[in-house]
Each structure stands twice: as structure tokens, then as C-alpha cells.
Amino acid sequence: MALVVLLRGVNVGGHRTFRPSMLAEQLKHLDAVNIGAAGTFVIRRPVSHAQLRVEFARRLPFDAEIMICQGREIVRLMSRGFFSNHALRPDIVRFVSVLSRSPRSAPSMPMSFPSTG
């Protein structure tokens, strides 16, 4: 199965910027696919996590936190239907955040934004 690479804190607010489409082109030998501008890639050829980390680090123009997971982990996450009980509305953005390591203390769940903004 494919690997998913997530780059933490890239292309945000003009800091640590790069062109993901160009990086995907440089990684075409791994059958890399760029997903948007946020530093998410799918790698469709077999490669070890260690080698993949080297491939990315060598090509990025800055140090970045590189997270790698199995594609099936993302599929399993999305199949859980976290948003299925909530109506799709134009004023709500659905997103999932991925942590690079366990937090010192677990946040209370579910998280919600205050009604006053």
C-alpha cells in the first residue's frame, strides 16, 4: 500500500515555502503525487520510511518535520465517520489535524470553537 508523507509547518504565512508540485516531479521515481499546497504527498512505489525521509530532506530547501504513515492508516481514520453526525454547512470547515508526537496531556474531546468566535 502507498505511504503518505505530511510536512509540518510548510507554506504557512510565507514561511518555509516551496512548490510541492516541483518536489513531486523530483520524486517521480517514487511515483509521488502532490495533494494540494500544504505539504501532503502520496508515494505509490515501495520504499522504506528511512529512505523516503532522506529523499524528502535532501530536496527541501529548509529543515522540516517529515511525518510518514501508511495509506491504510489514513483510510481507516477517514472511514470512522467523525463528521457524519454534523450537517455540512458553508460556515463550517471540516479538518483533521495530525500530531507528530503524543501531546504531554490529552485534550478534552470533542473539541469545539466558542460560539462567540
C-alpha atoms as a PDB file:
ATOM      1  CA  MET A   1       0.000   0.000   0.000  1.00  0.00           C
ATOM      2  CA  ALA A   2       1.004   3.619  -0.525  1.00  0.00           C
ATOM      3  CA  LEU A   3       2.781   5.794   2.003  1.00  0.00           C
ATOM      4  CA  VAL A   4       1.536   9.258   2.953  1.00  0.00           C
ATOM      5  CA  VAL A   5       4.048  11.999   3.749  1.00  0.00           C
ATOM      6  CA  LEU A   6       2.968  15.039   5.756  1.00  0.00           C
ATOM      7  CA  LEU A   7       5.311  18.008   6.131  1.00  0.00           C
ATOM      8  CA  ARG A   8       4.706  20.041   9.263  1.00  0.00           C
ATOM      9  CA  GLY A   9       4.513  23.846   9.120  1.00  0.00           C
ATOM     10  CA  VAL A  10       5.344  24.421   5.458  1.00  0.00           C
ATOM     11  CA  ASN A  11       3.832  27.005   3.080  1.00  0.00           C
ATOM     12  CA  VAL A  12       2.215  28.834   6.001  1.00  0.00           C
ATOM     13  CA  GLY A  13       2.263  32.608   6.213  1.00  0.00           C
ATOM     14  CA  GLY A  14       5.144  32.967   3.773  1.00  0.00           C
ATOM     15  CA  HIS A  15       7.496  30.848   5.865  1.00  0.00           C
ATOM     16  CA  ARG A  16       9.281  27.686   4.738  1.00  0.00           C
ATOM     17  CA  THR A  17       7.755  27.970   1.295  1.00  0.00           C
ATOM     18  CA  PHE A  18       8.336  25.653  -1.617  1.00  0.00           C
ATOM     19  CA  ARG A  19       6.463  24.325  -4.647  1.00  0.00           C
ATOM     20  CA  PRO A  20       5.013  20.909  -3.800  1.00  0.00           C
ATOM     21  CA  SER A  21       4.320  20.177  -7.486  1.00  0.00           C
ATOM     22  CA  MET A  22       8.020  20.600  -8.269  1.00  0.00           C
ATOM     23  CA  LEU A  23       9.011  18.324  -5.388  1.00  0.00           C
ATOM     24  CA  ALA A  24       6.575  15.672  -6.621  1.00  0.00           C
ATOM     25  CA  GLU A  25       8.195  15.918 -10.048  1.00  0.00           C
ATOM     26  CA  GLN A  26      11.639  15.404  -8.490  1.00  0.00           C
ATOM     27  CA  LEU A  27      10.263  12.320  -6.739  1.00  0.00           C
ATOM     28  CA  LYS A  28       8.597  10.821  -9.802  1.00  0.00           C
ATOM     29  CA  HIS A  29      10.872   7.767  -9.497  1.00  0.00           C
ATOM     30  CA  LEU A  30       8.817   7.002  -6.354  1.00  0.00           C
ATOM     31  CA  ASP A  31       5.536   7.664  -8.188  1.00  0.00           C
ATOM     32  CA  ALA A  32       4.895  10.638  -5.891  1.00  0.00           C
ATOM     33  CA  VAL A  33       1.617  12.538  -6.025  1.00  0.00           C
ATOM     34  CA  ASN A  34       1.240  16.009  -4.511  1.00  0.00           C
ATOM     35  CA  ILE A  35      -2.030  16.682  -2.662  1.00  0.00           C
ATOM     36  CA  GLY A  36      -2.611  20.452  -2.525  1.00  0.00           C
ATOM     37  CA  ALA A  37      -0.201  23.119  -1.290  1.00  0.00           C
ATOM     38  CA  ALA A  38       0.043  22.058   2.354  1.00  0.00           C
ATOM     39  CA  GLY A  39       2.891  19.568   2.025  1.00  0.00           C
ATOM     40  CA  THR A  40       0.965  16.309   1.688  1.00  0.00           C
ATOM     41  CA  PHE A  41       2.190  13.611  -0.681  1.00  0.00           C
ATOM     42  CA  VAL A  42       1.247  10.064  -1.593  1.00  0.00           C
ATOM     43  CA  ILE A  43       4.116   7.743  -2.507  1.00  0.00           C
ATOM     44  CA  ARG A  44       2.909   4.820  -4.587  1.00  0.00           C
ATOM     45  CA  ARG A  45       6.158   2.864  -5.088  1.00  0.00           C
ATOM     46  CA  PRO A  46       7.590   0.640  -2.346  1.00  0.00           C
ATOM     47  CA  VAL A  47      10.292   2.411  -0.328  1.00  0.00           C
ATOM     48  CA  SER A  48      11.425   2.243   3.302  1.00  0.00           C
ATOM     49  CA  HIS A  49      10.455   5.026   5.681  1.00  0.00           C
ATOM     50  CA  ALA A  50      14.134   5.815   6.264  1.00  0.00           C
ATOM     51  CA  GLN A  51      14.912   6.121   2.548  1.00  0.00           C
ATOM     52  CA  LEU A  52      11.791   8.211   1.948  1.00  0.00           C
ATOM     53  CA  ARG A  53      12.760  10.595   4.761  1.00  0.00           C
ATOM     54  CA  VAL A  54      16.208  11.017   3.152  1.00  0.00           C
ATOM     55  CA  GLU A  55      14.650  11.654  -0.276  1.00  0.00           C
ATOM     56  CA  PHE A  56      12.469  14.463   1.097  1.00  0.00           C
ATOM     57  CA  ALA A  57      15.069  16.037   3.394  1.00  0.00           C
ATOM     58  CA  ARG A  58      17.624  16.155   0.585  1.00  0.00           C
ATOM     59  CA  ARG A  59      15.286  18.067  -1.721  1.00  0.00           C
ATOM     60  CA  LEU A  60      13.631  20.550   0.654  1.00  0.00           C
ATOM     61  CA  PRO A  61      15.291  23.989   0.867  1.00  0.00           C
ATOM     62  CA  PHE A  62      14.837  24.044   4.680  1.00  0.00           C
ATOM     63  CA  ASP A  63      14.679  21.652   7.619  1.00  0.00           C
ATOM     64  CA  ALA A  64      11.202  20.243   8.035  1.00  0.00           C
ATOM     65  CA  GLU A  65       9.456  17.786  10.271  1.00  0.00           C
ATOM     66  CA  ILE A  66       8.594  14.868   7.989  1.00  0.00           C
ATOM     67  CA  MET A  67       5.820  12.521   9.098  1.00  0.00           C
ATOM     68  CA  ILE A  68       5.278   9.260   7.224  1.00  0.00           C
ATOM     69  CA  CYS A  69       2.378   6.871   7.654  1.00  0.00           C
ATOM     70  CA  GLN A  70       0.788   4.012   5.789  1.00  0.00           C
ATOM     71  CA  GLY A  71      -2.010   4.983   3.427  1.00  0.00           C
ATOM     72  CA  ARG A  72      -4.257   2.417   5.113  1.00  0.00           C
ATOM     73  CA  GLU A  73      -3.970   4.422   8.361  1.00  0.00           C
ATOM     74  CA  ILE A  74      -5.472   7.466   6.616  1.00  0.00           C
ATOM     75  CA  VAL A  75      -8.187   5.311   5.034  1.00  0.00           C
ATOM     76  CA  ARG A  76      -9.026   3.839   8.452  1.00  0.00           C
ATOM     77  CA  LEU A  77      -9.120   7.306  10.025  1.00  0.00           C
ATOM     78  CA  MET A  78     -11.472   8.679   7.376  1.00  0.00           C
ATOM     79  CA  SER A  79     -13.743   5.621   7.445  1.00  0.00           C
ATOM     80  CA  ARG A  80     -14.617   6.268  11.091  1.00  0.00           C
ATOM     81  CA  GLY A  81     -17.107   8.959  10.059  1.00  0.00           C
ATOM     82  CA  PHE A  82     -16.173  11.608  12.615  1.00  0.00           C
ATOM     83  CA  PHE A  83     -18.264  14.199  10.778  1.00  0.00           C
ATOM     84  CA  SER A  84     -21.236  12.008   9.851  1.00  0.00           C
ATOM     85  CA  ASN A  85     -23.455  13.383  12.662  1.00  0.00           C
ATOM     86  CA  HIS A  86     -22.862  17.001  11.669  1.00  0.00           C
ATOM     87  CA  ALA A  87     -24.624  18.795   8.846  1.00  0.00           C
ATOM     88  CA  LEU A  88     -22.438  20.152   6.072  1.00  0.00           C
ATOM     89  CA  ARG A  89     -22.728  23.950   6.247  1.00  0.00           C
ATOM     90  CA  PRO A  90     -20.846  26.664   4.341  1.00  0.00           C
ATOM     91  CA  ASP A  91     -19.774  28.386   7.581  1.00  0.00           C
ATOM     92  CA  ILE A  92     -18.011  25.296   8.955  1.00  0.00           C
ATOM     93  CA  VAL A  93     -14.678  23.943   7.777  1.00  0.00           C
ATOM     94  CA  ARG A  94     -14.040  20.271   8.465  1.00  0.00           C
ATOM     95  CA  PHE A  95     -10.430  19.314   9.035  1.00  0.00           C
ATOM     96  CA  VAL A  96      -8.272  16.753  10.727  1.00  0.00           C
ATOM     97  CA  SER A  97      -5.003  17.651  12.407  1.00  0.00           C
ATOM     98  CA  VAL A  98      -2.185  15.144  12.611  1.00  0.00           C
ATOM     99  CA  LEU A  99       0.201  15.383  15.546  1.00  0.00           C
ATOM    100  CA  SER A 100       3.831  14.485  15.011  1.00  0.00           C
ATOM    101  CA  ARG A 101       4.093  13.140  18.566  1.00  0.00           C
ATOM    102  CA  SER A 102       1.833  12.497  21.531  1.00  0.00           C
ATOM    103  CA  PRO A 103       0.835  15.605  23.495  1.00  0.00           C
ATOM    104  CA  ARG A 104       2.034  15.994  27.095  1.00  0.00           C
ATOM    105  CA  SER A 105      -1.575  15.876  28.236  1.00  0.00           C
ATOM    106  CA  ALA A 106      -4.564  14.714  26.236  1.00  0.00           C
ATOM    107  CA  PRO A 107      -7.049  17.458  25.316  1.00  0.00           C
ATOM    108  CA  SER A 108     -10.689  17.009  26.269  1.00  0.00           C
ATOM    109  CA  MET A 109     -12.743  15.705  23.383  1.00  0.00           C
ATOM    110  CA  PRO A 110     -14.651  16.592  21.371  1.00  0.00           C
ATOM    111  CA  MET A 111     -13.065  19.949  20.706  1.00  0.00           C
ATOM    112  CA  SER A 112     -15.263  22.848  19.701  1.00  0.00           C
ATOM    113  CA  PHE A 113     -14.871  26.520  18.907  1.00  0.00           C
ATOM    114  CA  PRO A 114     -16.584  29.011  21.226  1.00  0.00           C
ATOM    115  CA  SER A 115     -19.859  30.421  19.871  1.00  0.00           C
ATOM    116  CA  THR A 116     -18.534  33.962  20.327  1.00  0.00           C
ATOM    117  CA  GLY A 117     -15.704  33.439  17.874  1.00  0.00           C
END
